[in-house]
Each structure stands twice: as structure tokens, then as C-alpha cells.
Amino acid sequence: MDKVKAKKHLGQHFLKDESIAQAIADTLSLQGYEDVLEIGPGMGVLTKYMLEKPINTYVIEIDTESVTYLDAHYPKLRGCIISQDFLKYNINEVFKDKQFAIIGNFPYNISSQIVFRVLELKHQIPEFSGMFQKEVAERICEKKGSKTYGILSVLAQAFYDTEYLFTVDENVFNPPPKVKSGVMRMRRKEDYSLPCGEKLFFTVVKTAFQQRRKTLRNSLKTLNLSDNLREDTIFDLRPEQLDVAQFIELTQKIEADGV
């Protein structure tokens, strides 16, 4: 097989710049785990650099044409190609509750969903890095007070230290996307357990940002908070004015209120 044809419905844009592929591969520290999983390897432009590293590299790919190509061109990957959808696959069929990192040039149409899945698996994923649509990478790393600061920013930063690394132009892809790309990294915090109920924390953050222009007093009405609690001055703020610590504090107050 010569080359894999990019498929629009899978959001495929194949990176063709080797130096960028190597730079992405070098974003991982390779500390605290023995395995790395690459999502959406395509024709292996990033994979080849991961295979040079002292780590067990696995790839997960939904495109059967890419799977055939990888199997033919990367003998080192034999037995390490997972022909599945990362969002639906039970990854512990391979990793058995072990720690592993995730890397990739992520399909832009599912990149936010990939981050949410990583958050579900955070107890196993100490490190996560790769390429996103630029605005998504920026949003994950954004701090409070910005218009792009939102659900993804707060939830990712509650458990990980996030860092925007570099921007990638459209012309290094085939076919070129219509937007710039950005590479970012997430490293799990040493203490990533929350001092409040995690499920309630997610609910509070998501509910608050669904009506981001309103104050928390109005946006969190559906949580049926007591009148007494709603008098707290924190409810005068809009969600983008709260950092992660303040969202945790807010969740603790709501917990104490009996929600």
C-alpha cells in the first residue's frame, strides 16, 4: 500500500512535517509509566519517533486503511495496533489498570471528547500531550477571566497542570485544515483528588458555564440551592471569574447546603 487517503468524515489531516512530529514526540517526559498510547496515528509520522524511545508504544486507530498501512510499514508495532474507537474501547483490555501516557495528532472533530475521556481515566494517565485545533489547545490551558476559559479549562486544570507549547501552521498538513493547530501538554498533579465530591464538581462547572453570561446565582438555579446559600457573595460572580480553587470552594459550599 502506497499512501492512505485522508477521510473527511474521520477529520483526518496528515502531518507531513517531520520536525514537528519529532517535537510532539519529545513533549512526553516518559517518567512514571512504561507504556504510551498514540491516538489516530494515520500513516505513522509521529509513531516512528515514539518507536525510537525507551517506551512500549501502542497505537489505536479507527481507520482500517491506516491499520493496514501501519501493519505493513512498522514491524515494531506488531501486536500493538488496536483497531478500535478510543472513545468507546475499554482500554484496560490492553493496559490492565497500568499507568500509561497518551499522545497524538488528534482528529479535531472529536478532540474535546478525547480530553473528557482522559479525565475519566485520570487515575491511569499521568501525562497527555498532542496536537489540537489551536483554539481548543488554548482553551484547555486558559486561565480565568478570558472569553475562551470554560468547562474544558476548569475540569482539565483541576487534575492536571496544563501548558500550551507551540502553534502549527496549516500548510504542514495534507490536506491542510482551515485553522491553525496548537500543541499542548497536561501533566497530572501530584495530588489530583478533589476535597469535594467529583461528580458534583463536574455538575457545578458544566451548569455554570451553560449560561456563562449570567451570575452563578442565576445559572445555578436548577441545583435548587437554599436562599441562604445564594446570598453568599461568590454567587455574584460569573463563571469565568472563578479559578479552579474557587470552583472547588463553591462545590464545597453547595455540598454543605445538602445538594
C-alpha atoms as a PDB file:
ATOM      1  CA  MET A   1       0.000   0.000   0.000  1.00  0.00           C
ATOM      2  CA  ASP A   2       1.352   3.381  -1.050  1.00  0.00           C
ATOM      3  CA  LYS A   3      -0.429   6.032   0.972  1.00  0.00           C
ATOM      4  CA  VAL A   4      -3.617   6.372   2.987  1.00  0.00           C
ATOM      5  CA  LYS A   5      -6.187   8.798   1.607  1.00  0.00           C
ATOM      6  CA  ALA A   6      -7.379  11.310   4.235  1.00  0.00           C
ATOM      7  CA  LYS A   7     -11.053  10.801   5.079  1.00  0.00           C
ATOM      8  CA  LYS A   8     -13.111  13.892   5.804  1.00  0.00           C
ATOM      9  CA  HIS A   9     -15.663  12.070   7.995  1.00  0.00           C
ATOM     10  CA  LEU A  10     -12.819  10.978  10.316  1.00  0.00           C
ATOM     11  CA  GLY A  11     -11.382  14.512  10.478  1.00  0.00           C
ATOM     12  CA  GLN A  12      -8.067  13.283   9.051  1.00  0.00           C
ATOM     13  CA  HIS A  13      -5.326  15.802   8.223  1.00  0.00           C
ATOM     14  CA  PHE A  14      -1.988  14.012   7.896  1.00  0.00           C
ATOM     15  CA  LEU A  15       1.025  15.865   9.288  1.00  0.00           C
ATOM     16  CA  LYS A  16       3.868  15.900   6.754  1.00  0.00           C
ATOM     17  CA  ASP A  17       6.494  17.936   8.645  1.00  0.00           C
ATOM     18  CA  GLU A  18       8.968  15.544  10.295  1.00  0.00           C
ATOM     19  CA  SER A  19      10.470  18.175  12.620  1.00  0.00           C
ATOM     20  CA  ILE A  20       7.037  18.954  14.099  1.00  0.00           C
ATOM     21  CA  ALA A  21       6.328  15.227  14.525  1.00  0.00           C
ATOM     22  CA  GLN A  22       9.611  14.839  16.415  1.00  0.00           C
ATOM     23  CA  ALA A  23       8.865  17.925  18.554  1.00  0.00           C
ATOM     24  CA  ILE A  24       5.493  16.441  19.554  1.00  0.00           C
ATOM     25  CA  ALA A  25       7.115  13.085  20.387  1.00  0.00           C
ATOM     26  CA  ASP A  26       9.590  14.932  22.619  1.00  0.00           C
ATOM     27  CA  THR A  27       6.843  16.567  24.720  1.00  0.00           C
ATOM     28  CA  LEU A  28       6.483  13.484  26.933  1.00  0.00           C
ATOM     29  CA  SER A  29       8.812  13.050  29.919  1.00  0.00           C
ATOM     30  CA  LEU A  30       8.452   9.211  29.815  1.00  0.00           C
ATOM     31  CA  GLN A  31       8.585   9.160  33.620  1.00  0.00           C
ATOM     32  CA  GLY A  32       6.291   7.167  35.886  1.00  0.00           C
ATOM     33  CA  TYR A  33       4.984   4.763  33.235  1.00  0.00           C
ATOM     34  CA  GLU A  34       6.223   2.137  30.773  1.00  0.00           C
ATOM     35  CA  ASP A  35       3.584   2.443  28.047  1.00  0.00           C
ATOM     36  CA  VAL A  36       2.320   5.160  25.721  1.00  0.00           C
ATOM     37  CA  LEU A  37      -0.793   5.089  23.559  1.00  0.00           C
ATOM     38  CA  GLU A  38      -0.954   7.137  20.375  1.00  0.00           C
ATOM     39  CA  ILE A  39      -4.463   8.032  19.213  1.00  0.00           C
ATOM     40  CA  GLY A  40      -5.083   8.294  15.472  1.00  0.00           C
ATOM     41  CA  PRO A  41      -1.593   7.545  14.119  1.00  0.00           C
ATOM     42  CA  GLY A  42      -2.652   7.626  10.445  1.00  0.00           C
ATOM     43  CA  MET A  43       0.478   6.754   8.453  1.00  0.00           C
ATOM     44  CA  GLY A  44       2.781   6.881  11.477  1.00  0.00           C
ATOM     45  CA  VAL A  45       4.578  10.229  11.091  1.00  0.00           C
ATOM     46  CA  LEU A  46       4.569  10.625  14.905  1.00  0.00           C
ATOM     47  CA  THR A  47       4.676   6.882  15.600  1.00  0.00           C
ATOM     48  CA  LYS A  48       8.133   6.434  14.072  1.00  0.00           C
ATOM     49  CA  TYR A  49       9.616   8.873  16.621  1.00  0.00           C
ATOM     50  CA  MET A  50       7.797   7.209  19.517  1.00  0.00           C
ATOM     51  CA  LEU A  51       9.211   3.828  18.445  1.00  0.00           C
ATOM     52  CA  GLU A  52      12.734   5.231  18.865  1.00  0.00           C
ATOM     53  CA  LYS A  53      12.100   5.955  22.544  1.00  0.00           C
ATOM     54  CA  PRO A  54      12.647   3.608  25.509  1.00  0.00           C
ATOM     55  CA  ILE A  55       8.920   3.022  25.972  1.00  0.00           C
ATOM     56  CA  ASN A  56       6.305   0.480  24.824  1.00  0.00           C
ATOM     57  CA  THR A  57       4.329   2.211  22.072  1.00  0.00           C
ATOM     58  CA  TYR A  58       0.756   1.215  21.261  1.00  0.00           C
ATOM     59  CA  VAL A  59      -1.500   2.876  18.700  1.00  0.00           C
ATOM     60  CA  ILE A  60      -5.295   2.988  18.457  1.00  0.00           C
ATOM     61  CA  GLU A  61      -6.783   3.679  15.044  1.00  0.00           C
ATOM     62  CA  ILE A  62     -10.380   3.508  13.800  1.00  0.00           C
ATOM     63  CA  ASP A  63      -9.452   3.734  10.085  1.00  0.00           C
ATOM     64  CA  THR A  64      -8.891   0.212   8.745  1.00  0.00           C
ATOM     65  CA  GLU A  65      -6.856   1.522   5.794  1.00  0.00           C
ATOM     66  CA  SER A  66      -4.429   3.192   8.224  1.00  0.00           C
ATOM     67  CA  VAL A  67      -4.257  -0.001  10.297  1.00  0.00           C
ATOM     68  CA  THR A  68      -3.248  -1.976   7.179  1.00  0.00           C
ATOM     69  CA  TYR A  69      -0.614   0.654   6.312  1.00  0.00           C
ATOM     70  CA  LEU A  70       0.867   0.686   9.823  1.00  0.00           C
ATOM     71  CA  ASP A  71       0.978  -3.107   9.949  1.00  0.00           C
ATOM     72  CA  ALA A  72       2.853  -3.186   6.633  1.00  0.00           C
ATOM     73  CA  HIS A  73       5.333  -0.366   7.341  1.00  0.00           C
ATOM     74  CA  TYR A  74       6.073  -0.642  11.088  1.00  0.00           C
ATOM     75  CA  PRO A  75       7.020  -4.206  12.049  1.00  0.00           C
ATOM     76  CA  LYS A  76       7.895  -2.955  15.557  1.00  0.00           C
ATOM     77  CA  LEU A  77       4.178  -2.265  16.080  1.00  0.00           C
ATOM     78  CA  ARG A  78       3.129  -5.893  15.539  1.00  0.00           C
ATOM     79  CA  GLY A  79       0.745  -6.815  18.326  1.00  0.00           C
ATOM     80  CA  CYS A  80       0.480  -3.189  19.461  1.00  0.00           C
ATOM     81  CA  ILE A  81      -2.071  -1.873  16.928  1.00  0.00           C
ATOM     82  CA  ILE A  82      -5.567  -1.535  18.380  1.00  0.00           C
ATOM     83  CA  SER A  83      -8.145  -1.281  15.596  1.00  0.00           C
ATOM     84  CA  GLN A  84     -10.836   0.412  17.682  1.00  0.00           C
ATOM     85  CA  ASP A  85     -12.548   3.719  18.518  1.00  0.00           C
ATOM     86  CA  PHE A  86     -10.725   5.222  21.520  1.00  0.00           C
ATOM     87  CA  LEU A  87     -13.916   6.863  22.779  1.00  0.00           C
ATOM     88  CA  LYS A  88     -15.740   3.518  23.022  1.00  0.00           C
ATOM     89  CA  TYR A  89     -12.996   0.975  23.643  1.00  0.00           C
ATOM     90  CA  ASN A  90     -12.257  -0.473  27.098  1.00  0.00           C
ATOM     91  CA  ILE A  91      -8.573   0.422  27.154  1.00  0.00           C
ATOM     92  CA  ASN A  92      -7.877  -1.899  30.082  1.00  0.00           C
ATOM     93  CA  GLU A  93      -8.177  -4.860  27.756  1.00  0.00           C
ATOM     94  CA  VAL A  94      -4.619  -3.788  26.874  1.00  0.00           C
ATOM     95  CA  PHE A  95      -3.311  -1.867  29.891  1.00  0.00           C
ATOM     96  CA  LYS A  96      -4.879  -3.822  32.792  1.00  0.00           C
ATOM     97  CA  ASP A  97      -5.092  -0.800  35.152  1.00  0.00           C
ATOM     98  CA  LYS A  98      -1.441   0.173  34.494  1.00  0.00           C
ATOM     99  CA  GLN A  99      -0.243   3.760  34.149  1.00  0.00           C
ATOM    100  CA  PHE A 100       0.201   4.935  30.554  1.00  0.00           C
ATOM    101  CA  ALA A 101       0.631   8.211  28.665  1.00  0.00           C
ATOM    102  CA  ILE A 102      -1.401   9.392  25.679  1.00  0.00           C
ATOM    103  CA  ILE A 103      -0.078  11.289  22.672  1.00  0.00           C
ATOM    104  CA  GLY A 104      -1.417  12.106  19.223  1.00  0.00           C
ATOM    105  CA  ASN A 105      -2.309  14.419  16.387  1.00  0.00           C
ATOM    106  CA  PHE A 106      -5.925  14.311  17.451  1.00  0.00           C
ATOM    107  CA  PRO A 107      -8.836  14.423  14.973  1.00  0.00           C
ATOM    108  CA  TYR A 108     -10.285  17.899  15.536  1.00  0.00           C
ATOM    109  CA  ASN A 109     -13.899  16.724  15.339  1.00  0.00           C
ATOM    110  CA  ILE A 110     -13.525  14.601  18.494  1.00  0.00           C
ATOM    111  CA  SER A 111     -10.633  16.300  20.318  1.00  0.00           C
ATOM    112  CA  SER A 112     -12.743  17.686  23.202  1.00  0.00           C
ATOM    113  CA  GLN A 113     -14.331  14.254  23.691  1.00  0.00           C
ATOM    114  CA  ILE A 114     -10.833  12.744  23.878  1.00  0.00           C
ATOM    115  CA  VAL A 115      -9.947  15.154  26.721  1.00  0.00           C
ATOM    116  CA  PHE A 116     -13.130  14.240  28.628  1.00  0.00           C
ATOM    117  CA  ARG A 117     -12.268  10.541  28.198  1.00  0.00           C
ATOM    118  CA  VAL A 118      -8.748  11.202  29.519  1.00  0.00           C
ATOM    119  CA  LEU A 119     -10.306  12.869  32.575  1.00  0.00           C
ATOM    120  CA  GLU A 120     -12.383   9.725  33.177  1.00  0.00           C
ATOM    121  CA  LEU A 121      -9.127   7.712  33.065  1.00  0.00           C
ATOM    122  CA  LYS A 122      -7.016  10.240  35.001  1.00  0.00           C
ATOM    123  CA  HIS A 123      -6.032   7.697  37.671  1.00  0.00           C
ATOM    124  CA  GLN A 124      -4.138   5.862  34.891  1.00  0.00           C
ATOM    125  CA  ILE A 125      -2.890   8.746  32.724  1.00  0.00           C
ATOM    126  CA  PRO A 126      -0.084  10.814  34.307  1.00  0.00           C
ATOM    127  CA  GLU A 127       0.774  12.565  31.041  1.00  0.00           C
ATOM    128  CA  PHE A 128      -1.144  13.573  27.931  1.00  0.00           C
ATOM    129  CA  SER A 129       0.069  15.683  25.029  1.00  0.00           C
ATOM    130  CA  GLY A 130      -0.534  16.325  21.383  1.00  0.00           C
ATOM    131  CA  MET A 131      -1.953  18.498  18.665  1.00  0.00           C
ATOM    132  CA  PHE A 132      -5.413  20.050  18.617  1.00  0.00           C
ATOM    133  CA  GLN A 133      -7.178  22.800  16.770  1.00  0.00           C
ATOM    134  CA  LYS A 134      -5.372  25.876  18.132  1.00  0.00           C
ATOM    135  CA  GLU A 135      -8.389  27.355  19.904  1.00  0.00           C
ATOM    136  CA  VAL A 136      -9.117  24.051  21.689  1.00  0.00           C
ATOM    137  CA  ALA A 137      -5.489  23.723  22.877  1.00  0.00           C
ATOM    138  CA  GLU A 138      -5.623  27.335  24.101  1.00  0.00           C
ATOM    139  CA  ARG A 139      -8.962  26.781  25.849  1.00  0.00           C
ATOM    140  CA  ILE A 140      -7.644  23.782  27.787  1.00  0.00           C
ATOM    141  CA  CYS A 141      -4.730  25.888  29.077  1.00  0.00           C
ATOM    142  CA  GLU A 142      -6.597  29.203  29.531  1.00  0.00           C
ATOM    143  CA  LYS A 143      -6.825  30.949  32.903  1.00  0.00           C
ATOM    144  CA  LYS A 144      -9.861  32.670  34.430  1.00  0.00           C
ATOM    145  CA  GLY A 145     -11.075  35.981  33.062  1.00  0.00           C
ATOM    146  CA  SER A 146     -10.861  35.057  29.390  1.00  0.00           C
ATOM    147  CA  LYS A 147     -13.744  34.516  26.979  1.00  0.00           C
ATOM    148  CA  THR A 148     -12.251  31.174  25.956  1.00  0.00           C
ATOM    149  CA  TYR A 149     -11.947  29.962  29.578  1.00  0.00           C
ATOM    150  CA  GLY A 150     -14.663  27.365  30.102  1.00  0.00           C
ATOM    151  CA  ILE A 151     -15.696  23.860  31.099  1.00  0.00           C
ATOM    152  CA  LEU A 152     -12.699  22.175  29.489  1.00  0.00           C
ATOM    153  CA  SER A 153     -10.269  24.642  31.116  1.00  0.00           C
ATOM    154  CA  VAL A 154     -11.586  24.131  34.660  1.00  0.00           C
ATOM    155  CA  LEU A 155     -12.006  20.353  34.516  1.00  0.00           C
ATOM    156  CA  ALA A 156      -8.591  19.721  32.919  1.00  0.00           C
ATOM    157  CA  GLN A 157      -6.801  22.097  35.306  1.00  0.00           C
ATOM    158  CA  ALA A 158      -8.483  20.580  38.359  1.00  0.00           C
ATOM    159  CA  PHE A 159      -6.443  17.408  37.855  1.00  0.00           C
ATOM    160  CA  TYR A 160      -3.564  18.384  35.541  1.00  0.00           C
ATOM    161  CA  ASP A 161      -1.017  21.146  35.058  1.00  0.00           C
ATOM    162  CA  THR A 162      -1.653  22.337  31.509  1.00  0.00           C
ATOM    163  CA  GLU A 163       0.781  24.052  29.175  1.00  0.00           C
ATOM    164  CA  TYR A 164       0.362  25.452  25.647  1.00  0.00           C
ATOM    165  CA  LEU A 165       3.614  24.602  23.848  1.00  0.00           C
ATOM    166  CA  PHE A 166       3.607  25.827  20.252  1.00  0.00           C
ATOM    167  CA  THR A 167       1.477  26.736  17.221  1.00  0.00           C
ATOM    168  CA  VAL A 168       1.478  24.795  13.942  1.00  0.00           C
ATOM    169  CA  ASP A 169       0.580  26.318  10.554  1.00  0.00           C
ATOM    170  CA  GLU A 170      -1.992  24.847   8.186  1.00  0.00           C
ATOM    171  CA  ASN A 171       0.458  24.184   5.326  1.00  0.00           C
ATOM    172  CA  VAL A 172       2.269  21.289   7.065  1.00  0.00           C
ATOM    173  CA  PHE A 173      -0.759  19.004   6.671  1.00  0.00           C
ATOM    174  CA  ASN A 174      -2.220  17.034   3.808  1.00  0.00           C
ATOM    175  CA  PRO A 175      -4.937  18.129   3.242  1.00  0.00           C
ATOM    176  CA  PRO A 176      -4.398  21.452   5.070  1.00  0.00           C
ATOM    177  CA  PRO A 177      -7.086  22.229   7.675  1.00  0.00           C
ATOM    178  CA  LYS A 178      -8.836  25.608   7.594  1.00  0.00           C
ATOM    179  CA  VAL A 179      -7.476  26.536  11.036  1.00  0.00           C
ATOM    180  CA  LYS A 180      -4.139  26.714  12.819  1.00  0.00           C
ATOM    181  CA  SER A 181      -3.193  23.936  15.199  1.00  0.00           C
ATOM    182  CA  GLY A 182      -1.688  24.034  18.667  1.00  0.00           C
ATOM    183  CA  VAL A 183       0.333  21.528  20.682  1.00  0.00           C
ATOM    184  CA  MET A 184      -0.309  21.344  24.409  1.00  0.00           C
ATOM    185  CA  ARG A 185       0.642  19.101  27.308  1.00  0.00           C
ATOM    186  CA  MET A 186      -1.109  18.004  30.501  1.00  0.00           C
ATOM    187  CA  ARG A 187       0.830  16.560  33.446  1.00  0.00           C
ATOM    188  CA  ARG A 188      -1.174  15.091  36.297  1.00  0.00           C
ATOM    189  CA  LYS A 189      -0.917  16.877  39.614  1.00  0.00           C
ATOM    190  CA  GLU A 190       0.799  15.041  42.444  1.00  0.00           C
ATOM    191  CA  ASP A 191      -2.407  15.246  44.469  1.00  0.00           C
ATOM    192  CA  TYR A 192      -5.214  15.068  41.951  1.00  0.00           C
ATOM    193  CA  SER A 193      -8.013  14.075  44.342  1.00  0.00           C
ATOM    194  CA  LEU A 194     -10.568  16.808  44.989  1.00  0.00           C
ATOM    195  CA  PRO A 195     -11.583  17.924  48.506  1.00  0.00           C
ATOM    196  CA  CYS A 196     -15.205  17.769  47.346  1.00  0.00           C
ATOM    197  CA  GLY A 197     -17.491  15.371  45.517  1.00  0.00           C
ATOM    198  CA  GLU A 198     -16.112  14.905  41.999  1.00  0.00           C
ATOM    199  CA  LYS A 199     -19.497  14.234  40.379  1.00  0.00           C
ATOM    200  CA  LEU A 200     -20.994  17.379  41.952  1.00  0.00           C
ATOM    201  CA  PHE A 201     -17.902  19.399  40.949  1.00  0.00           C
ATOM    202  CA  PHE A 202     -18.391  18.378  37.289  1.00  0.00           C
ATOM    203  CA  THR A 203     -22.113  19.238  37.519  1.00  0.00           C
ATOM    204  CA  VAL A 204     -21.438  22.665  39.048  1.00  0.00           C
ATOM    205  CA  VAL A 205     -18.808  23.575  36.436  1.00  0.00           C
ATOM    206  CA  LYS A 206     -20.873  22.391  33.470  1.00  0.00           C
ATOM    207  CA  THR A 207     -24.100  24.011  34.727  1.00  0.00           C
ATOM    208  CA  ALA A 208     -22.365  27.319  35.472  1.00  0.00           C
ATOM    209  CA  PHE A 209     -20.832  27.639  32.004  1.00  0.00           C
ATOM    210  CA  GLN A 210     -24.003  26.657  30.163  1.00  0.00           C
ATOM    211  CA  GLN A 211     -25.172  30.211  30.885  1.00  0.00           C
ATOM    212  CA  ARG A 212     -21.776  31.874  31.171  1.00  0.00           C
ATOM    213  CA  ARG A 213     -23.047  35.456  30.865  1.00  0.00           C
ATOM    214  CA  LYS A 214     -25.242  35.095  33.930  1.00  0.00           C
ATOM    215  CA  THR A 215     -24.126  35.285  37.534  1.00  0.00           C
ATOM    216  CA  LEU A 216     -23.840  31.991  39.386  1.00  0.00           C
ATOM    217  CA  ARG A 217     -26.949  32.945  41.348  1.00  0.00           C
ATOM    218  CA  ASN A 218     -28.937  32.634  38.119  1.00  0.00           C
ATOM    219  CA  SER A 219     -27.020  29.968  36.224  1.00  0.00           C
ATOM    220  CA  LEU A 220     -27.093  27.512  39.151  1.00  0.00           C
ATOM    221  CA  LYS A 221     -30.835  27.893  39.859  1.00  0.00           C
ATOM    222  CA  THR A 222     -31.507  24.366  38.594  1.00  0.00           C
ATOM    223  CA  LEU A 223     -29.494  22.953  41.522  1.00  0.00           C
ATOM    224  CA  ASN A 224     -32.240  24.122  43.927  1.00  0.00           C
ATOM    225  CA  LEU A 225     -29.896  25.893  46.339  1.00  0.00           C
ATOM    226  CA  SER A 226     -31.191  27.346  49.568  1.00  0.00           C
ATOM    227  CA  ASP A 227     -31.937  31.079  49.698  1.00  0.00           C
ATOM    228  CA  ASN A 228     -29.409  31.377  52.498  1.00  0.00           C
ATOM    229  CA  LEU A 229     -26.599  29.910  50.387  1.00  0.00           C
ATOM    230  CA  ARG A 230     -27.494  32.020  47.363  1.00  0.00           C
ATOM    231  CA  GLU A 231     -26.819  35.154  49.445  1.00  0.00           C
ATOM    232  CA  ASP A 232     -23.107  34.223  49.558  1.00  0.00           C
ATOM    233  CA  THR A 233     -21.076  36.812  47.618  1.00  0.00           C
ATOM    234  CA  ILE A 234     -19.465  34.106  45.431  1.00  0.00           C
ATOM    235  CA  PHE A 235     -22.828  33.885  43.656  1.00  0.00           C
ATOM    236  CA  ASP A 236     -22.426  37.486  42.466  1.00  0.00           C
ATOM    237  CA  LEU A 237     -19.679  36.296  40.103  1.00  0.00           C
ATOM    238  CA  ARG A 238     -19.920  34.907  36.579  1.00  0.00           C
ATOM    239  CA  PRO A 239     -18.284  31.511  35.943  1.00  0.00           C
ATOM    240  CA  GLU A 240     -15.274  32.856  34.015  1.00  0.00           C
ATOM    241  CA  GLN A 241     -14.327  34.898  37.106  1.00  0.00           C
ATOM    242  CA  LEU A 242     -13.651  31.750  39.183  1.00  0.00           C
ATOM    243  CA  ASP A 243     -10.417  29.775  39.072  1.00  0.00           C
ATOM    244  CA  VAL A 244     -10.270  26.058  39.847  1.00  0.00           C
ATOM    245  CA  ALA A 245      -9.774  26.601  43.596  1.00  0.00           C
ATOM    246  CA  GLN A 246     -12.859  28.844  43.718  1.00  0.00           C
ATOM    247  CA  PHE A 247     -14.938  26.267  41.839  1.00  0.00           C
ATOM    248  CA  ILE A 248     -13.854  23.691  44.429  1.00  0.00           C
ATOM    249  CA  GLU A 249     -14.814  26.118  47.212  1.00  0.00           C
ATOM    250  CA  LEU A 250     -18.183  26.721  45.526  1.00  0.00           C
ATOM    251  CA  THR A 251     -18.791  22.966  45.262  1.00  0.00           C
ATOM    252  CA  GLN A 252     -17.942  22.531  48.954  1.00  0.00           C
ATOM    253  CA  LYS A 253     -20.471  25.234  49.887  1.00  0.00           C
ATOM    254  CA  ILE A 254     -23.153  23.549  47.771  1.00  0.00           C
ATOM    255  CA  GLU A 255     -22.271  20.171  49.319  1.00  0.00           C
ATOM    256  CA  ALA A 256     -22.656  21.630  52.805  1.00  0.00           C
ATOM    257  CA  ASP A 257     -26.032  23.041  51.701  1.00  0.00           C
ATOM    258  CA  GLY A 258     -27.211  19.487  51.162  1.00  0.00           C
ATOM    259  CA  VAL A 259     -27.487  19.252  47.372  1.00  0.00           C
END
